C-alpha atoms as a PDB file:
ATOM      1  CA  UNK A   1      -6.416  21.753   7.113  1.00  0.00           C
ATOM      2  CA  UNK A   2      -8.556  24.256   9.632  1.00  0.00           C
ATOM      3  CA  UNK A   3     -12.248  23.603  10.547  1.00  0.00           C
ATOM      4  CA  UNK A   4     -12.857  26.294   8.719  1.00  0.00           C
ATOM      5  CA  UNK A   5     -11.139  25.215   5.638  1.00  0.00           C
ATOM      6  CA  UNK A   6     -14.123  22.159   5.112  1.00  0.00           C
ATOM      7  CA  UNK A   7     -13.608  20.524   1.792  1.00  0.00           C
ATOM      8  CA  UNK A   8     -16.629  20.359  -0.189  1.00  0.00           C
ATOM      9  CA  UNK A   9     -16.796  16.788  -0.452  1.00  0.00           C
ATOM     10  CA  UNK A  10     -17.873  16.826   3.423  1.00  0.00           C
ATOM     11  CA  UNK A  11     -21.010  18.353   2.837  1.00  0.00           C
ATOM     12  CA  UNK A  12     -23.457  15.246   3.514  1.00  0.00           C
ATOM     13  CA  UNK A  13     -21.546  13.981   6.374  1.00  0.00           C
ATOM     14  CA  UNK A  14     -19.690  11.531   4.349  1.00  0.00           C
ATOM     15  CA  UNK A  15     -16.789  11.609   6.274  1.00  0.00           C
ATOM     16  CA  UNK A  16     -18.378  10.570   9.859  1.00  0.00           C
ATOM     17  CA  UNK A  17     -20.425   7.836   7.808  1.00  0.00           C
ATOM     18  CA  UNK A  18     -16.833   6.869   6.564  1.00  0.00           C
ATOM     19  CA  UNK A  19     -15.680   6.766  10.227  1.00  0.00           C
ATOM     20  CA  UNK A  20     -18.554   4.786  11.398  1.00  0.00           C
ATOM     21  CA  UNK A  21     -18.513   2.148   8.801  1.00  0.00           C
ATOM     22  CA  UNK A  22     -14.581   2.134   9.521  1.00  0.00           C
ATOM     23  CA  UNK A  23     -14.909   1.358  13.101  1.00  0.00           C
ATOM     24  CA  UNK A  24     -18.002  -1.166  12.433  1.00  0.00           C
ATOM     25  CA  UNK A  25     -15.507  -3.271  10.277  1.00  0.00           C
ATOM     26  CA  UNK A  26     -12.783  -3.282  12.913  1.00  0.00           C
ATOM     27  CA  UNK A  27     -15.148  -4.063  15.594  1.00  0.00           C
ATOM     28  CA  UNK A  28     -16.028  -7.112  13.370  1.00  0.00           C
ATOM     29  CA  UNK A  29     -12.731  -7.596  12.184  1.00  0.00           C
ATOM     30  CA  UNK A  30     -11.493  -7.880  16.417  1.00  0.00           C
ATOM     31  CA  UNK A  31     -14.754 -10.146  16.966  1.00  0.00           C
ATOM     32  CA  UNK A  32     -13.758 -12.315  14.073  1.00  0.00           C
ATOM     33  CA  UNK A  33     -10.285 -12.882  15.129  1.00  0.00           C
ATOM     34  CA  UNK A  34     -11.230 -13.156  18.817  1.00  0.00           C
ATOM     35  CA  UNK A  35     -13.213 -16.137  17.650  1.00  0.00           C
ATOM     36  CA  UNK A  36     -10.370 -17.319  15.233  1.00  0.00           C
ATOM     37  CA  UNK A  37      -8.008 -17.625  18.094  1.00  0.00           C
ATOM     38  CA  UNK A  38     -10.742 -18.928  20.613  1.00  0.00           C
ATOM     39  CA  UNK A  39     -11.387 -21.938  17.864  1.00  0.00           C
ATOM     40  CA  UNK A  40      -7.503 -22.801  17.366  1.00  0.00           C
ATOM     41  CA  UNK A  41      -6.029 -22.146  20.904  1.00  0.00           C
ATOM     42  CA  UNK A  42      -5.366 -25.602  21.532  1.00  0.00           C
ATOM     43  CA  UNK A  43      -3.786 -26.772  18.327  1.00  0.00           C
ATOM     44  CA  UNK A  44      -0.327 -28.530  19.156  1.00  0.00           C
ATOM     45  CA  UNK A  45       1.346 -27.543  16.248  1.00  0.00           C
ATOM     46  CA  UNK A  46       5.152 -26.847  16.447  1.00  0.00           C
ATOM     47  CA  UNK A  47       4.453 -23.267  15.374  1.00  0.00           C
ATOM     48  CA  UNK A  48       1.623 -22.418  18.019  1.00  0.00           C
ATOM     49  CA  UNK A  49       3.735 -19.560  19.589  1.00  0.00           C
ATOM     50  CA  UNK A  50       3.531 -17.956  16.196  1.00  0.00           C
ATOM     51  CA  UNK A  51      -0.100 -18.157  15.972  1.00  0.00           C
ATOM     52  CA  UNK A  52       0.153 -19.251  12.885  1.00  0.00           C
ATOM     53  CA  UNK A  53      -2.622 -22.086  13.538  1.00  0.00           C
ATOM     54  CA  UNK A  54      -5.006 -19.567  13.732  1.00  0.00           C
ATOM     55  CA  UNK A  55      -4.867 -18.819   9.673  1.00  0.00           C
ATOM     56  CA  UNK A  56      -6.641 -22.530   9.852  1.00  0.00           C
ATOM     57  CA  UNK A  57      -9.800 -20.848  11.093  1.00  0.00           C
ATOM     58  CA  UNK A  58     -12.336 -19.030   8.470  1.00  0.00           C
ATOM     59  CA  UNK A  59     -12.885 -16.391  11.398  1.00  0.00           C
ATOM     60  CA  UNK A  60      -9.533 -15.169  10.987  1.00  0.00           C
ATOM     61  CA  UNK A  61     -10.028 -14.932   7.342  1.00  0.00           C
ATOM     62  CA  UNK A  62     -13.217 -13.096   7.664  1.00  0.00           C
ATOM     63  CA  UNK A  63     -11.435 -10.711  10.302  1.00  0.00           C
ATOM     64  CA  UNK A  64      -8.638 -10.160   7.600  1.00  0.00           C
ATOM     65  CA  UNK A  65     -11.566  -9.400   5.130  1.00  0.00           C
ATOM     66  CA  UNK A  66     -13.006  -6.961   7.683  1.00  0.00           C
ATOM     67  CA  UNK A  67      -9.827  -5.356   8.366  1.00  0.00           C
ATOM     68  CA  UNK A  68      -9.415  -4.615   4.488  1.00  0.00           C
ATOM     69  CA  UNK A  69     -12.683  -3.122   4.226  1.00  0.00           C
ATOM     70  CA  UNK A  70     -12.134  -0.997   7.061  1.00  0.00           C
ATOM     71  CA  UNK A  71      -8.494   0.141   5.314  1.00  0.00           C
ATOM     72  CA  UNK A  72     -10.774   1.276   2.480  1.00  0.00           C
ATOM     73  CA  UNK A  73     -13.211   3.064   4.585  1.00  0.00           C
ATOM     74  CA  UNK A  74     -10.309   4.761   6.351  1.00  0.00           C
ATOM     75  CA  UNK A  75      -8.449   6.027   3.000  1.00  0.00           C
ATOM     76  CA  UNK A  76     -11.531   7.542   1.652  1.00  0.00           C
ATOM     77  CA  UNK A  77     -12.064   9.047   5.347  1.00  0.00           C
ATOM     78  CA  UNK A  78      -8.567  10.511   5.177  1.00  0.00           C
ATOM     79  CA  UNK A  79      -9.043  12.010   1.830  1.00  0.00           C
ATOM     80  CA  UNK A  80     -12.043  14.685   3.525  1.00  0.00           C
ATOM     81  CA  UNK A  81     -10.938  14.973   6.865  1.00  0.00           C
ATOM     82  CA  UNK A  82      -7.751  16.185   8.875  1.00  0.00           C
ATOM     83  CA  UNK A  83      -5.859  13.620  10.272  1.00  0.00           C
ATOM     84  CA  UNK A  84      -6.430  14.569  13.595  1.00  0.00           C
ATOM     85  CA  UNK A  85     -10.007  15.234  13.227  1.00  0.00           C
ATOM     86  CA  UNK A  86     -10.178  11.691  11.680  1.00  0.00           C
ATOM     87  CA  UNK A  87      -8.196   9.911  13.775  1.00  0.00           C
ATOM     88  CA  UNK A  88      -9.731  11.167  17.100  1.00  0.00           C
ATOM     89  CA  UNK A  89     -13.241  10.031  15.861  1.00  0.00           C
ATOM     90  CA  UNK A  90     -12.031   6.976  15.141  1.00  0.00           C
ATOM     91  CA  UNK A  91     -11.883   6.397  19.148  1.00  0.00           C
ATOM     92  CA  UNK A  92     -15.422   5.079  18.472  1.00  0.00           C
ATOM     93  CA  UNK A  93     -14.341   2.025  17.957  1.00  0.00           C
ATOM     94  CA  UNK A  94     -13.473   1.734  21.787  1.00  0.00           C
ATOM     95  CA  UNK A  95     -17.098   2.041  22.300  1.00  0.00           C
ATOM     96  CA  UNK A  96     -18.126  -0.186  19.551  1.00  0.00           C
ATOM     97  CA  UNK A  97     -15.682  -3.408  20.647  1.00  0.00           C
ATOM     98  CA  UNK A  98     -16.952  -3.730  24.277  1.00  0.00           C
ATOM     99  CA  UNK A  99     -20.517  -3.717  22.904  1.00  0.00           C
ATOM    100  CA  UNK A 100     -19.915  -6.095  20.217  1.00  0.00           C
ATOM    101  CA  UNK A 101     -17.879  -8.384  23.072  1.00  0.00           C
ATOM    102  CA  UNK A 102     -20.842  -8.260  25.219  1.00  0.00           C
ATOM    103  CA  UNK A 103     -23.331  -9.118  22.636  1.00  0.00           C
ATOM    104  CA  UNK A 104     -21.460 -11.899  20.692  1.00  0.00           C
ATOM    105  CA  UNK A 105     -18.846 -13.087  22.678  1.00  0.00           C
ATOM    106  CA  UNK A 106     -20.534 -12.685  25.830  1.00  0.00           C
ATOM    107  CA  UNK A 107     -17.958 -10.906  28.027  1.00  0.00           C
ATOM    108  CA  UNK A 108     -18.883  -8.697  30.687  1.00  0.00           C
ATOM    109  CA  UNK A 109     -18.734  -4.799  30.694  1.00  0.00           C
ATOM    110  CA  UNK A 110     -18.151  -3.510  34.588  1.00  0.00           C
ATOM    111  CA  UNK A 111     -19.379  -0.057  35.943  1.00  0.00           C
ATOM    112  CA  UNK A 112     -15.816   1.094  35.170  1.00  0.00           C
ATOM    113  CA  UNK A 113     -15.782   0.239  31.667  1.00  0.00           C
ATOM    114  CA  UNK A 114     -19.304   1.587  31.213  1.00  0.00           C
ATOM    115  CA  UNK A 115     -17.958   4.946  32.571  1.00  0.00           C
ATOM    116  CA  UNK A 116     -15.161   4.556  29.778  1.00  0.00           C
ATOM    117  CA  UNK A 117     -17.060   4.092  27.095  1.00  0.00           C
ATOM    118  CA  UNK A 118     -19.113   6.976  28.249  1.00  0.00           C
ATOM    119  CA  UNK A 119     -16.095   9.087  28.592  1.00  0.00           C
ATOM    120  CA  UNK A 120     -14.921   7.973  24.928  1.00  0.00           C
ATOM    121  CA  UNK A 121     -18.548   9.099  23.453  1.00  0.00           C
ATOM    122  CA  UNK A 122     -18.290  12.200  24.912  1.00  0.00           C
ATOM    123  CA  UNK A 123     -14.732  12.920  23.838  1.00  0.00           C
ATOM    124  CA  UNK A 124     -15.807  11.728  20.266  1.00  0.00           C
ATOM    125  CA  UNK A 125     -18.716  14.639  20.299  1.00  0.00           C
ATOM    126  CA  UNK A 126     -16.631  17.455  21.630  1.00  0.00           C
ATOM    127  CA  UNK A 127     -14.789  16.551  18.695  1.00  0.00           C
ATOM    128  CA  UNK A 128     -16.936  15.869  16.176  1.00  0.00           C
ATOM    129  CA  UNK A 129     -19.467  18.763  16.944  1.00  0.00           C
ATOM    130  CA  UNK A 130     -17.527  21.922  16.349  1.00  0.00           C
ATOM    131  CA  UNK A 131     -16.514  20.511  13.045  1.00  0.00           C
ATOM    132  CA  UNK A 132     -19.811  19.726  11.748  1.00  0.00           C
ATOM    133  CA  UNK A 133     -21.345  22.852  12.978  1.00  0.00           C
ATOM    134  CA  UNK A 134     -18.696  24.700  10.059  1.00  0.00           C
ATOM    135  CA  UNK A 135     -19.599  22.180   7.779  1.00  0.00           C
ATOM    136  CA  UNK A 136     -23.323  22.961   8.009  1.00  0.00           C
ATOM    137  CA  UNK A 137     -22.533  26.568   7.366  1.00  0.00           C
ATOM    138  CA  UNK A 138     -20.593  25.700   4.420  1.00  0.00           C
END
């Protein structure tokens, strides 16, 4: 499917909201999984090397639930966008995760990482903008 073969279901920005929701739920999942892994890192379980002890954390289960919700959004997006566009737009996760890590986990965002976030944002815009123009004309 080319940008000129836009399905009628893509009007109204549905696939873009779907990609954003998918990325936000993946971001929430990553933050929850990190909190769950941190909460169980000093467990002396015999199976520590498998990470199974992390399943005792509610944070890990919240992360798994967020991944499932993200998966549902992803399937909806794939119904209306070509995979090459959808997958490229999903790179917005590389913007959301560092920002969420900064806000919720207190992790630092250095100058180089901030520049990388800017490059990712530019890339997402370059990919989405021509496709959205075609969508507006439809």
